[in-house]
Amino acid sequence: MPDADPQPGDLYRASPSTSTNGDRHGNNARPVAVAQRNPNVAICVNRTTNPDSSVRKIESPAKPEHNLKQAWWQARFHRTVHRKWWGTPDFRYVCRLPESEASAVAEFFKISVMLGEHNR
């Protein structure tokens, strides 16, 4: 089941409970893409419709079949989701990103880490 086995390129909805730093979106689950998977954590990039103008970002097309408007992946507030959340209602699988977007998110994350933008 994808919920319990997040892989790079998967899109999830992560509740605020999964964030160690909290979430300003209240109780709404945030769309996140798995960028890196380690044995006990999935490191995710946040998707936002209101990106910070001072932060690097890449476009994410609308996904109407999943009720997602056009948005951006941004190099801010990467979310490390611990294994305890996998397969729970707080970390729900949505879909596999199209391969072009999954590759773009992976490269974007790699550069973000190299630039020291991870969780700033």
PDB file of N, CA and C in Angstrom:
ATOM      1  N   MET A   1       0.847  -1.190   0.000  1.00  0.00           N
ATOM      2  CA  MET A   1       0.000   0.000   0.000  1.00  0.00           C
ATOM      3  C   MET A   1       0.886   1.244   0.000  1.00  0.00           C
ATOM      4  N   PRO A   2       0.686   2.176  -0.944  1.00  0.00           N
ATOM      5  CA  PRO A   2       1.552   3.364  -1.019  1.00  0.00           C
ATOM      6  C   PRO A   2       1.568   4.201   0.256  1.00  0.00           C
ATOM      7  N   ASP A   3       0.452   4.253   0.990  1.00  0.00           N
ATOM      8  CA  ASP A   3       0.416   5.072   2.203  1.00  0.00           C
ATOM      9  C   ASP A   3       1.537   4.702   3.171  1.00  0.00           C
ATOM     10  N   ALA A   4       1.839   3.427   3.260  1.00  0.00           N
ATOM     11  CA  ALA A   4       2.809   2.948   4.235  1.00  0.00           C
ATOM     12  C   ALA A   4       4.214   2.810   3.659  1.00  0.00           C
ATOM     13  N   ASP A   5       4.398   3.180   2.401  1.00  0.00           N
ATOM     14  CA  ASP A   5       5.694   3.012   1.754  1.00  0.00           C
ATOM     15  C   ASP A   5       5.996   4.191   0.820  1.00  0.00           C
ATOM     16  N   PRO A   6       6.177   5.397   1.376  1.00  0.00           N
ATOM     17  CA  PRO A   6       6.414   6.568   0.521  1.00  0.00           C
ATOM     18  C   PRO A   6       7.710   6.440  -0.265  1.00  0.00           C
ATOM     19  N   GLN A   7       7.646   6.826  -1.541  1.00  0.00           N
ATOM     20  CA  GLN A   7       8.797   6.766  -2.426  1.00  0.00           C
ATOM     21  C   GLN A   7       9.015   8.128  -3.072  1.00  0.00           C
ATOM     22  N   PRO A   8      10.258   8.454  -3.419  1.00  0.00           N
ATOM     23  CA  PRO A   8      10.502   9.720  -4.114  1.00  0.00           C
ATOM     24  C   PRO A   8       9.601   9.838  -5.345  1.00  0.00           C
ATOM     25  N   GLY A   9       8.975  11.009  -5.469  1.00  0.00           N
ATOM     26  CA  GLY A   9       8.053  11.257  -6.575  1.00  0.00           C
ATOM     27  C   GLY A   9       6.600  11.030  -6.231  1.00  0.00           C
ATOM     28  N   ASP A  10       6.316  10.524  -5.028  1.00  0.00           N
ATOM     29  CA  ASP A  10       4.929  10.342  -4.584  1.00  0.00           C
ATOM     30  C   ASP A  10       4.396  11.642  -3.992  1.00  0.00           C
ATOM     31  N   LEU A  11       3.125  11.902  -4.217  1.00  0.00           N
ATOM     32  CA  LEU A  11       2.444  13.072  -3.659  1.00  0.00           C
ATOM     33  C   LEU A  11       1.563  12.605  -2.508  1.00  0.00           C
ATOM     34  N   TYR A  12       1.690  13.274  -1.371  1.00  0.00           N
ATOM     35  CA  TYR A  12       0.911  12.957  -0.171  1.00  0.00           C
ATOM     36  C   TYR A  12       0.224  14.215   0.333  1.00  0.00           C
ATOM     37  N   ARG A  13      -0.738  14.020   1.205  1.00  0.00           N
ATOM     38  CA  ARG A  13      -1.300  15.115   2.001  1.00  0.00           C
ATOM     39  C   ARG A  13      -0.852  14.863   3.435  1.00  0.00           C
ATOM     40  N   ALA A  14      -0.079  15.816   3.963  1.00  0.00           N
ATOM     41  CA  ALA A  14       0.503  15.677   5.294  1.00  0.00           C
ATOM     42  C   ALA A  14      -0.198  16.622   6.261  1.00  0.00           C
ATOM     43  N   SER A  15      -0.742  16.070   7.326  1.00  0.00           N
ATOM     44  CA  SER A  15      -1.421  16.897   8.322  1.00  0.00           C
ATOM     45  C   SER A  15      -0.390  17.684   9.128  1.00  0.00           C
ATOM     46  N   PRO A  16      -0.822  18.754   9.802  1.00  0.00           N
ATOM     47  CA  PRO A  16       0.095  19.525  10.643  1.00  0.00           C
ATOM     48  C   PRO A  16       0.775  18.661  11.715  1.00  0.00           C
ATOM     49  N   SER A  17       0.130  17.566  12.111  1.00  0.00           N
ATOM     50  CA  SER A  17       0.723  16.686  13.127  1.00  0.00           C
ATOM     51  C   SER A  17       2.063  16.121  12.693  1.00  0.00           C
ATOM     52  N   THR A  18       2.284  16.002  11.390  1.00  0.00           N
ATOM     53  CA  THR A  18       3.521  15.400  10.890  1.00  0.00           C
ATOM     54  C   THR A  18       4.695  16.372  10.900  1.00  0.00           C
ATOM     55  N   SER A  19       4.441  17.634  11.187  1.00  0.00           N
ATOM     56  CA  SER A  19       5.492  18.647  11.165  1.00  0.00           C
ATOM     57  C   SER A  19       6.048  18.890  12.554  1.00  0.00           C
ATOM     58  N   THR A  20       7.363  18.881  12.667  1.00  0.00           N
ATOM     59  CA  THR A  20       7.983  19.173  13.959  1.00  0.00           C
ATOM     60  C   THR A  20       7.941  20.662  14.272  1.00  0.00           C
ATOM     61  N   ASN A  21       7.749  21.492  13.231  1.00  0.00           N
ATOM     62  CA  ASN A  21       7.741  22.950  13.410  1.00  0.00           C
ATOM     63  C   ASN A  21       6.346  23.551  13.388  1.00  0.00           C
ATOM     64  N   GLY A  22       5.316  22.725  13.311  1.00  0.00           N
ATOM     65  CA  GLY A  22       3.959  23.254  13.196  1.00  0.00           C
ATOM     66  C   GLY A  22       3.650  23.641  11.765  1.00  0.00           C
ATOM     67  N   ASP A  23       2.458  24.157  11.560  1.00  0.00           N
ATOM     68  CA  ASP A  23       2.027  24.509  10.214  1.00  0.00           C
ATOM     69  C   ASP A  23       1.033  25.642  10.326  1.00  0.00           C
ATOM     70  N   ARG A  24       1.253  26.714   9.571  1.00  0.00           N
ATOM     71  CA  ARG A  24       0.368  27.872   9.666  1.00  0.00           C
ATOM     72  C   ARG A  24      -0.961  27.655   8.946  1.00  0.00           C
ATOM     73  N   HIS A  25      -1.173  26.494   8.367  1.00  0.00           N
ATOM     74  CA  HIS A  25      -2.415  26.217   7.654  1.00  0.00           C
ATOM     75  C   HIS A  25      -3.483  25.585   8.545  1.00  0.00           C
ATOM     76  N   GLY A  26      -3.301  25.689   9.838  1.00  0.00           N
ATOM     77  CA  GLY A  26      -4.295  25.144  10.755  1.00  0.00           C
ATOM     78  C   GLY A  26      -4.381  23.638  10.625  1.00  0.00           C
ATOM     79  N   ASN A  27      -5.595  23.117  10.572  1.00  0.00           N
ATOM     80  CA  ASN A  27      -5.798  21.669  10.512  1.00  0.00           C
ATOM     81  C   ASN A  27      -5.816  21.115   9.100  1.00  0.00           C
ATOM     82  N   ASN A  28      -5.550  21.954   8.104  1.00  0.00           N
ATOM     83  CA  ASN A  28      -5.575  21.493   6.720  1.00  0.00           C
ATOM     84  C   ASN A  28      -4.320  20.700   6.387  1.00  0.00           C
ATOM     85  N   ALA A  29      -4.503  19.575   5.719  1.00  0.00           N
ATOM     86  CA  ALA A  29      -3.361  18.781   5.265  1.00  0.00           C
ATOM     87  C   ALA A  29      -2.716  19.477   4.079  1.00  0.00           C
ATOM     88  N   ARG A  30      -1.404  19.501   4.074  1.00  0.00           N
ATOM     89  CA  ARG A  30      -0.635  20.191   3.025  1.00  0.00           C
ATOM     90  C   ARG A  30      -0.141  19.176   2.006  1.00  0.00           C
ATOM     91  N   PRO A  31      -0.254  19.513   0.704  1.00  0.00           N
ATOM     92  CA  PRO A  31       0.326  18.637  -0.318  1.00  0.00           C
ATOM     93  C   PRO A  31       1.854  18.684  -0.233  1.00  0.00           C
ATOM     94  N   VAL A  32       2.461  17.523  -0.210  1.00  0.00           N
ATOM     95  CA  VAL A  32       3.919  17.417  -0.172  1.00  0.00           C
ATOM     96  C   VAL A  32       4.363  16.329  -1.148  1.00  0.00           C
ATOM     97  N   ALA A  33       5.557  16.506  -1.690  1.00  0.00           N
ATOM     98  CA  ALA A  33       6.148  15.486  -2.566  1.00  0.00           C
ATOM     99  C   ALA A  33       7.320  14.855  -1.833  1.00  0.00           C
ATOM    100  N   VAL A  34       7.392  13.549  -1.853  1.00  0.00           N
ATOM    101  CA  VAL A  34       8.535  12.860  -1.260  1.00  0.00           C
ATOM    102  C   VAL A  34       9.739  13.108  -2.167  1.00  0.00           C
ATOM    103  N   ALA A  35      10.787  13.708  -1.595  1.00  0.00           N
ATOM    104  CA  ALA A  35      11.991  14.016  -2.350  1.00  0.00           C
ATOM    105  C   ALA A  35      13.114  13.026  -2.043  1.00  0.00           C
ATOM    106  N   GLN A  36      13.101  12.512  -0.817  1.00  0.00           N
ATOM    107  CA  GLN A  36      14.137  11.566  -0.399  1.00  0.00           C
ATOM    108  C   GLN A  36      13.534  10.618   0.613  1.00  0.00           C
ATOM    109  N   ARG A  37      13.933   9.371   0.547  1.00  0.00           N
ATOM    110  CA  ARG A  37      13.410   8.370   1.480  1.00  0.00           C
ATOM    111  C   ARG A  37      14.576   7.686   2.171  1.00  0.00           C
ATOM    112  N   ASN A  38      14.560   7.697   3.482  1.00  0.00           N
ATOM    113  CA  ASN A  38      15.531   6.990   4.303  1.00  0.00           C
ATOM    114  C   ASN A  38      14.771   5.890   5.035  1.00  0.00           C
ATOM    115  N   PRO A  39      15.439   4.991   5.726  1.00  0.00           N
ATOM    116  CA  PRO A  39      14.698   3.900   6.376  1.00  0.00           C
ATOM    117  C   PRO A  39      13.598   4.359   7.336  1.00  0.00           C
ATOM    118  N   ASN A  40      13.811   5.465   8.038  1.00  0.00           N
ATOM    119  CA  ASN A  40      12.834   5.889   9.046  1.00  0.00           C
ATOM    120  C   ASN A  40      12.160   7.218   8.786  1.00  0.00           C
ATOM    121  N   VAL A  41      12.520   7.906   7.716  1.00  0.00           N
ATOM    122  CA  VAL A  41      11.906   9.194   7.399  1.00  0.00           C
ATOM    123  C   VAL A  41      11.730   9.369   5.902  1.00  0.00           C
ATOM    124  N   ALA A  42      10.710  10.135   5.554  1.00  0.00           N
ATOM    125  CA  ALA A  42      10.523  10.600   4.184  1.00  0.00           C
ATOM    126  C   ALA A  42      10.689  12.114   4.236  1.00  0.00           C
ATOM    127  N   ILE A  43      11.619  12.640   3.454  1.00  0.00           N
ATOM    128  CA  ILE A  43      11.843  14.081   3.432  1.00  0.00           C
ATOM    129  C   ILE A  43      11.054  14.639   2.253  1.00  0.00           C
ATOM    130  N   CYS A  44      10.183  15.593   2.562  1.00  0.00           N
ATOM    131  CA  CYS A  44       9.224  16.087   1.573  1.00  0.00           C
ATOM    132  C   CYS A  44       9.403  17.576   1.294  1.00  0.00           C
ATOM    133  N   VAL A  45       9.004  17.960   0.090  1.00  0.00           N
ATOM    134  CA  VAL A  45       8.994  19.361  -0.336  1.00  0.00           C
ATOM    135  C   VAL A  45       7.542  19.819  -0.308  1.00  0.00           C
ATOM    136  N   ASN A  46       7.308  21.003   0.252  1.00  0.00           N
ATOM    137  CA  ASN A  46       5.950  21.536   0.355  1.00  0.00           C
ATOM    138  C   ASN A  46       5.485  22.175  -0.950  1.00  0.00           C
ATOM    139  N   ARG A  47       4.205  22.021  -1.213  1.00  0.00           N
ATOM    140  CA  ARG A  47       3.552  22.627  -2.378  1.00  0.00           C
ATOM    141  C   ARG A  47       2.671  23.761  -1.858  1.00  0.00           C
ATOM    142  N   THR A  48       2.782  24.933  -2.470  1.00  0.00           N
ATOM    143  CA  THR A  48       2.010  26.080  -1.988  1.00  0.00           C
ATOM    144  C   THR A  48       1.442  26.885  -3.144  1.00  0.00           C
ATOM    145  N   THR A  49       0.293  27.473  -2.916  1.00  0.00           N
ATOM    146  CA  THR A  49      -0.302  28.371  -3.919  1.00  0.00           C
ATOM    147  C   THR A  49       0.129  29.815  -3.669  1.00  0.00           C
ATOM    148  N   ASN A  50       0.781  30.073  -2.526  1.00  0.00           N
ATOM    149  CA  ASN A  50       1.254  31.417  -2.171  1.00  0.00           C
ATOM    150  C   ASN A  50       2.725  31.360  -1.791  1.00  0.00           C
ATOM    151  N   PRO A  51       3.610  31.202  -2.780  1.00  0.00           N
ATOM    152  CA  PRO A  51       5.030  31.074  -2.443  1.00  0.00           C
ATOM    153  C   PRO A  51       5.616  32.373  -1.928  1.00  0.00           C
ATOM    154  N   ASP A  52       6.599  32.229  -1.087  1.00  0.00           N
ATOM    155  CA  ASP A  52       7.358  33.371  -0.590  1.00  0.00           C
ATOM    156  C   ASP A  52       8.188  33.894  -1.753  1.00  0.00           C
ATOM    157  N   SER A  53       8.104  35.184  -2.037  1.00  0.00           N
ATOM    158  CA  SER A  53       8.801  35.759  -3.196  1.00  0.00           C
ATOM    159  C   SER A  53      10.319  35.700  -3.060  1.00  0.00           C
ATOM    160  N   SER A  54      10.831  35.562  -1.845  1.00  0.00           N
ATOM    161  CA  SER A  54      12.275  35.546  -1.643  1.00  0.00           C
ATOM    162  C   SER A  54      12.867  34.135  -1.647  1.00  0.00           C
ATOM    163  N   VAL A  55      12.049  33.141  -1.927  1.00  0.00           N
ATOM    164  CA  VAL A  55      12.483  31.749  -1.866  1.00  0.00           C
ATOM    165  C   VAL A  55      12.462  31.131  -3.262  1.00  0.00           C
ATOM    166  N   ARG A  56      13.458  30.294  -3.563  1.00  0.00           N
ATOM    167  CA  ARG A  56      13.459  29.588  -4.848  1.00  0.00           C
ATOM    168  C   ARG A  56      12.238  28.678  -4.937  1.00  0.00           C
ATOM    169  N   LYS A  57      11.722  28.546  -6.148  1.00  0.00           N
ATOM    170  CA  LYS A  57      10.535  27.721  -6.339  1.00  0.00           C
ATOM    171  C   LYS A  57      10.488  27.217  -7.767  1.00  0.00           C
ATOM    172  N   ILE A  58       9.711  26.149  -7.965  1.00  0.00           N
ATOM    173  CA  ILE A  58       9.443  25.660  -9.313  1.00  0.00           C
ATOM    174  C   ILE A  58       7.940  25.412  -9.422  1.00  0.00           C
ATOM    175  N   GLU A  59       7.441  25.555 -10.616  1.00  0.00           N
ATOM    176  CA  GLU A  59       5.997  25.456 -10.839  1.00  0.00           C
ATOM    177  C   GLU A  59       5.511  24.012 -10.728  1.00  0.00           C
ATOM    178  N   SER A  60       4.294  23.881 -10.221  1.00  0.00           N
ATOM    179  CA  SER A  60       3.597  22.598 -10.167  1.00  0.00           C
ATOM    180  C   SER A  60       2.242  22.793 -10.831  1.00  0.00           C
ATOM    181  N   PRO A  61       2.005  22.108 -11.945  1.00  0.00           N
ATOM    182  CA  PRO A  61       0.735  22.286 -12.651  1.00  0.00           C
ATOM    183  C   PRO A  61      -0.464  21.883 -11.798  1.00  0.00           C
ATOM    184  N   ALA A  62      -1.607  22.415 -12.154  1.00  0.00           N
ATOM    185  CA  ALA A  62      -2.859  22.036 -11.476  1.00  0.00           C
ATOM    186  C   ALA A  62      -3.093  20.546 -11.666  1.00  0.00           C
ATOM    187  N   LYS A  63      -3.727  19.965 -10.670  1.00  0.00           N
ATOM    188  CA  LYS A  63      -4.124  18.560 -10.721  1.00  0.00           C
ATOM    189  C   LYS A  63      -5.593  18.487 -10.301  1.00  0.00           C
ATOM    190  N   PRO A  64      -6.498  18.895 -11.217  1.00  0.00           N
ATOM    191  CA  PRO A  64      -7.917  18.979 -10.850  1.00  0.00           C
ATOM    192  C   PRO A  64      -8.505  17.657 -10.375  1.00  0.00           C
ATOM    193  N   GLU A  65      -7.969  16.545 -10.864  1.00  0.00           N
ATOM    194  CA  GLU A  65      -8.483  15.240 -10.432  1.00  0.00           C
ATOM    195  C   GLU A  65      -8.182  14.967  -8.960  1.00  0.00           C
ATOM    196  N   HIS A  66      -7.272  15.761  -8.373  1.00  0.00           N
ATOM    197  CA  HIS A  66      -6.936  15.645  -6.952  1.00  0.00           C
ATOM    198  C   HIS A  66      -7.261  16.930  -6.196  1.00  0.00           C
ATOM    199  N   ASN A  67      -8.062  17.800  -6.835  1.00  0.00           N
ATOM    200  CA  ASN A  67      -8.496  19.056  -6.230  1.00  0.00           C
ATOM    201  C   ASN A  67      -7.311  19.964  -5.858  1.00  0.00           C
ATOM    202  N   LEU A  68      -6.317  20.031  -6.762  1.00  0.00           N
ATOM    203  CA  LEU A  68      -5.144  20.876  -6.533  1.00  0.00           C
ATOM    204  C   LEU A  68      -5.027  21.914  -7.640  1.00  0.00           C
ATOM    205  N   LYS A  69      -4.960  23.181  -7.240  1.00  0.00           N
ATOM    206  CA  LYS A  69      -4.778  24.287  -8.179  1.00  0.00           C
ATOM    207  C   LYS A  69      -3.318  24.368  -8.599  1.00  0.00           C
ATOM    208  N   GLN A  70      -3.053  25.205  -9.621  1.00  0.00           N
ATOM    209  CA  GLN A  70      -1.665  25.462  -9.994  1.00  0.00           C
ATOM    210  C   GLN A  70      -0.954  26.005  -8.755  1.00  0.00           C
ATOM    211  N   ALA A  71       0.292  25.573  -8.557  1.00  0.00           N
ATOM    212  CA  ALA A  71       1.025  25.965  -7.356  1.00  0.00           C
ATOM    213  C   ALA A  71       2.520  25.894  -7.634  1.00  0.00           C
ATOM    214  N   TRP A  72       3.306  25.934  -6.562  1.00  0.00           N
ATOM    215  CA  TRP A  72       4.759  25.886  -6.663  1.00  0.00           C
ATOM    216  C   TRP A  72       5.308  24.986  -5.574  1.00  0.00           C
ATOM    217  N   TRP A  73       6.402  24.317  -5.908  1.00  0.00           N
ATOM    218  CA  TRP A  73       7.216  23.623  -4.909  1.00  0.00           C
ATOM    219  C   TRP A  73       8.223  24.659  -4.464  1.00  0.00           C
ATOM    220  N   GLN A  74       8.401  24.839  -3.158  1.00  0.00           N
ATOM    221  CA  GLN A  74       9.330  25.877  -2.724  1.00  0.00           C
ATOM    222  C   GLN A  74      10.424  25.326  -1.816  1.00  0.00           C
ATOM    223  N   ALA A  75      11.562  26.004  -1.857  1.00  0.00           N
ATOM    224  CA  ALA A  75      12.741  25.595  -1.089  1.00  0.00           C
ATOM    225  C   ALA A  75      12.660  26.169   0.322  1.00  0.00           C
ATOM    226  N   ARG A  76      11.596  25.848   0.992  1.00  0.00           N
ATOM    227  CA  ARG A  76      11.396  26.340   2.348  1.00  0.00           C
ATOM    228  C   ARG A  76      10.504  25.351   3.096  1.00  0.00           C
ATOM    229  N   PHE A  77      10.818  25.144   4.348  1.00  0.00           N
ATOM    230  CA  PHE A  77      10.027  24.278   5.215  1.00  0.00           C
ATOM    231  C   PHE A  77       9.884  22.864   4.658  1.00  0.00           C
ATOM    232  N   HIS A  78      11.008  22.276   4.259  1.00  0.00           N
ATOM    233  CA  HIS A  78      10.963  20.861   3.888  1.00  0.00           C
ATOM    234  C   HIS A  78      10.443  20.100   5.103  1.00  0.00           C
ATOM    235  N   ARG A  79       9.646  19.093   4.860  1.00  0.00           N
ATOM    236  CA  ARG A  79       9.003  18.355   5.947  1.00  0.00           C
ATOM    237  C   ARG A  79       9.584  16.958   6.054  1.00  0.00           C
ATOM    238  N   THR A  80      10.160  16.666   7.201  1.00  0.00           N
ATOM    239  CA  THR A  80      10.677  15.330   7.470  1.00  0.00           C
ATOM    240  C   THR A  80       9.576  14.553   8.187  1.00  0.00           C
ATOM    241  N   VAL A  81       9.037  13.552   7.506  1.00  0.00           N
ATOM    242  CA  VAL A  81       7.913  12.782   8.056  1.00  0.00           C
ATOM    243  C   VAL A  81       8.436  11.447   8.567  1.00  0.00           C
ATOM    244  N   HIS A  82       8.345  11.272   9.875  1.00  0.00           N
ATOM    245  CA  HIS A  82       8.841  10.056  10.514  1.00  0.00           C
ATOM    246  C   HIS A  82       7.972   8.855  10.147  1.00  0.00           C
ATOM    247  N   ARG A  83       8.579   7.710  10.146  1.00  0.00           N
ATOM    248  CA  ARG A  83       7.929   6.441   9.806  1.00  0.00           C
ATOM    249  C   ARG A  83       6.624   6.208  10.588  1.00  0.00           C
ATOM    250  N   LYS A  84       6.529   6.708  11.822  1.00  0.00           N
ATOM    251  CA  LYS A  84       5.327   6.471  12.631  1.00  0.00           C
ATOM    252  C   LYS A  84       4.075   7.041  11.973  1.00  0.00           C
ATOM    253  N   TRP A  85       4.231   8.023  11.047  1.00  0.00           N
ATOM    254  CA  TRP A  85       3.079   8.636  10.382  1.00  0.00           C
ATOM    255  C   TRP A  85       2.684   7.893   9.110  1.00  0.00           C
ATOM    256  N   TRP A  86       3.589   7.070   8.572  1.00  0.00           N
ATOM    257  CA  TRP A  86       3.312   6.382   7.314  1.00  0.00           C
ATOM    258  C   TRP A  86       2.120   5.447   7.498  1.00  0.00           C
ATOM    259  N   GLY A  87       1.218   5.450   6.553  1.00  0.00           N
ATOM    260  CA  GLY A  87       0.062   4.558   6.605  1.00  0.00           C
ATOM    261  C   GLY A  87      -1.022   5.012   7.568  1.00  0.00           C
ATOM    262  N   THR A  88      -0.951   6.286   8.010  1.00  0.00           N
ATOM    263  CA  THR A  88      -1.978   6.821   8.910  1.00  0.00           C
ATOM    264  C   THR A  88      -2.786   7.889   8.169  1.00  0.00           C
ATOM    265  N   PRO A  89      -3.931   8.267   8.732  1.00  0.00           N
ATOM    266  CA  PRO A  89      -4.717   9.348   8.108  1.00  0.00           C
ATOM    267  C   PRO A  89      -3.980  10.687   8.068  1.00  0.00           C
ATOM    268  N   ASP A  90      -2.907  10.831   8.855  1.00  0.00           N
ATOM    269  CA  ASP A  90      -2.136  12.074   8.873  1.00  0.00           C
ATOM    270  C   ASP A  90      -1.138  12.183   7.728  1.00  0.00           C
ATOM    271  N   PHE A  91      -0.946  11.106   6.979  1.00  0.00           N
ATOM    272  CA  PHE A  91      -0.015  11.103   5.847  1.00  0.00           C
ATOM    273  C   PHE A  91      -0.618  10.213   4.764  1.00  0.00           C
ATOM    274  N   ARG A  92      -1.508  10.834   3.960  1.00  0.00           N
ATOM    275  CA  ARG A  92      -2.309  10.091   2.973  1.00  0.00           C
ATOM    276  C   ARG A  92      -1.741  10.199   1.568  1.00  0.00           C
ATOM    277  N   TYR A  93      -1.594   9.062   0.943  1.00  0.00           N
ATOM    278  CA  TYR A  93      -1.128   9.000  -0.442  1.00  0.00           C
ATOM    279  C   TYR A  93      -2.167   9.618  -1.362  1.00  0.00           C
ATOM    280  N   VAL A  94      -1.710  10.434  -2.318  1.00  0.00           N
ATOM    281  CA  VAL A  94      -2.597  11.043  -3.310  1.00  0.00           C
ATOM    282  C   VAL A  94      -2.368  10.408  -4.677  1.00  0.00           C
ATOM    283  N   CYS A  95      -1.116  10.450  -5.149  1.00  0.00           N
ATOM    284  CA  CYS A  95      -0.806   9.900  -6.471  1.00  0.00           C
ATOM    285  C   CYS A  95       0.699   9.899  -6.683  1.00  0.00           C
ATOM    286  N   ARG A  96       1.091   9.306  -7.770  1.00  0.00           N
ATOM    287  CA  ARG A  96       2.473   9.402  -8.241  1.00  0.00           C
ATOM    288  C   ARG A  96       2.532  10.629  -9.143  1.00  0.00           C
ATOM    289  N   LEU A  97       3.513  11.514  -8.923  1.00  0.00           N
ATOM    290  CA  LEU A  97       3.666  12.678  -9.791  1.00  0.00           C
ATOM    291  C   LEU A  97       4.050  12.207 -11.195  1.00  0.00           C
ATOM    292  N   PRO A  98       3.662  12.977 -12.214  1.00  0.00           N
ATOM    293  CA  PRO A  98       4.157  12.663 -13.561  1.00  0.00           C
ATOM    294  C   PRO A  98       5.691  12.628 -13.515  1.00  0.00           C
ATOM    295  N   GLU A  99       6.295  11.761 -14.294  1.00  0.00           N
ATOM    296  CA  GLU A  99       7.742  11.565 -14.221  1.00  0.00           C
ATOM    297  C   GLU A  99       8.530  12.863 -14.402  1.00  0.00           C
ATOM    298  N   SER A 100       8.073  13.745 -15.291  1.00  0.00           N
ATOM    299  CA  SER A 100       8.792  15.010 -15.495  1.00  0.00           C
ATOM    300  C   SER A 100       8.769  15.871 -14.227  1.00  0.00           C
ATOM    301  N   GLU A 101       7.642  15.901 -13.540  1.00  0.00           N
ATOM    302  CA  GLU A 101       7.549  16.691 -12.308  1.00  0.00           C
ATOM    303  C   GLU A 101       8.311  16.020 -11.171  1.00  0.00           C
ATOM    304  N   ALA A 102       8.234  14.697 -11.077  1.00  0.00           N
ATOM    305  CA  ALA A 102       8.974  13.968 -10.042  1.00  0.00           C
ATOM    306  C   ALA A 102      10.471  14.213 -10.188  1.00  0.00           C
ATOM    307  N   SER A 103      10.968  14.178 -11.419  1.00  0.00           N
ATOM    308  CA  SER A 103      12.400  14.429 -11.665  1.00  0.00           C
ATOM    309  C   SER A 103      12.770  15.867 -11.324  1.00  0.00           C
ATOM    310  N   ALA A 104      11.904  16.807 -11.675  1.00  0.00           N
ATOM    311  CA  ALA A 104      12.152  18.216 -11.381  1.00  0.00           C
ATOM    312  C   ALA A 104      12.192  18.460  -9.876  1.00  0.00           C
ATOM    313  N   VAL A 105      11.285  17.836  -9.123  1.00  0.00           N
ATOM    314  CA  VAL A 105      11.263  17.989  -7.661  1.00  0.00           C
ATOM    315  C   VAL A 105      12.527  17.382  -7.051  1.00  0.00           C
ATOM    316  N   ALA A 106      12.945  16.223  -7.548  1.00  0.00           N
ATOM    317  CA  ALA A 106      14.158  15.578  -7.020  1.00  0.00           C
ATOM    318  C   ALA A 106      15.382  16.466  -7.241  1.00  0.00           C
ATOM    319  N   GLU A 107      15.517  17.028  -8.434  1.00  0.00           N
ATOM    320  CA  GLU A 107      16.652  17.902  -8.737  1.00  0.00           C
ATOM    321  C   GLU A 107      16.572  19.198  -7.920  1.00  0.00           C
ATOM    322  N   PHE A 108      15.379  19.742  -7.795  1.00  0.00           N
ATOM    323  CA  PHE A 108      15.147  20.954  -7.010  1.00  0.00           C
ATOM    324  C   PHE A 108      15.560  20.733  -5.552  1.00  0.00           C
ATOM    325  N   PHE A 109      15.168  19.590  -4.993  1.00  0.00           N
ATOM    326  CA  PHE A 109      15.513  19.266  -3.609  1.00  0.00           C
ATOM    327  C   PHE A 109      17.027  19.116  -3.454  1.00  0.00           C
ATOM    328  N   LYS A 110      17.644  18.413  -4.382  1.00  0.00           N
ATOM    329  CA  LYS A 110      19.090  18.206  -4.337  1.00  0.00           C
ATOM    330  C   LYS A 110      19.826  19.547  -4.314  1.00  0.00           C
ATOM    331  N   ILE A 111      19.419  20.465  -5.162  1.00  0.00           N
ATOM    332  CA  ILE A 111      20.043  21.793  -5.208  1.00  0.00           C
ATOM    333  C   ILE A 111      19.749  22.572  -3.928  1.00  0.00           C
ATOM    334  N   SER A 112      18.528  22.460  -3.412  1.00  0.00           N
ATOM    335  CA  SER A 112      18.164  23.143  -2.161  1.00  0.00           C
ATOM    336  C   SER A 112      19.068  22.717  -1.017  1.00  0.00           C
ATOM    337  N   VAL A 113      19.331  21.420  -0.936  1.00  0.00           N
ATOM    338  CA  VAL A 113      20.209  20.914   0.121  1.00  0.00           C
ATOM    339  C   VAL A 113      21.633  21.417  -0.088  1.00  0.00           C
ATOM    340  N   MET A 114      22.113  21.386  -1.328  1.00  0.00           N
ATOM    341  CA  MET A 114      23.475  21.866  -1.617  1.00  0.00           C
ATOM    342  C   MET A 114      23.611  23.349  -1.274  1.00  0.00           C
ATOM    343  N   LEU A 115      22.546  24.125  -1.452  1.00  0.00           N
ATOM    344  CA  LEU A 115      22.583  25.558  -1.149  1.00  0.00           C
ATOM    345  C   LEU A 115      22.291  25.876   0.316  1.00  0.00           C
ATOM    346  N   GLY A 116      22.008  24.850   1.103  1.00  0.00           N
ATOM    347  CA  GLY A 116      21.719  25.065   2.516  1.00  0.00           C
ATOM    348  C   GLY A 116      20.340  25.621   2.779  1.00  0.00           C
ATOM    349  N   GLU A 117      19.416  25.415   1.862  1.00  0.00           N
ATOM    350  CA  GLU A 117      18.048  25.954   2.022  1.00  0.00           C
ATOM    351  C   GLU A 117      17.138  25.013   2.790  1.00  0.00           C
ATOM    352  N   HIS A 118      17.610  23.860   3.116  1.00  0.00           N
ATOM    353  CA  HIS A 118      16.783  22.856   3.784  1.00  0.00           C
ATOM    354  C   HIS A 118      16.286  23.374   5.139  1.00  0.00           C
ATOM    355  N   ASN A 119      14.986  23.504   5.270  1.00  0.00           N
ATOM    356  CA  ASN A 119      14.302  23.903   6.521  1.00  0.00           C
ATOM    357  C   ASN A 119      14.706  25.260   7.059  1.00  0.00           C
ATOM    358  N   ARG A 120      14.917  26.203   6.178  1.00  0.00           N
ATOM    359  CA  ARG A 120      15.233  27.548   6.695  1.00  0.00           C
ATOM    360  C   ARG A 120      13.987  28.383   6.764  1.00  0.00           C
TER     361      ARG A 120
END
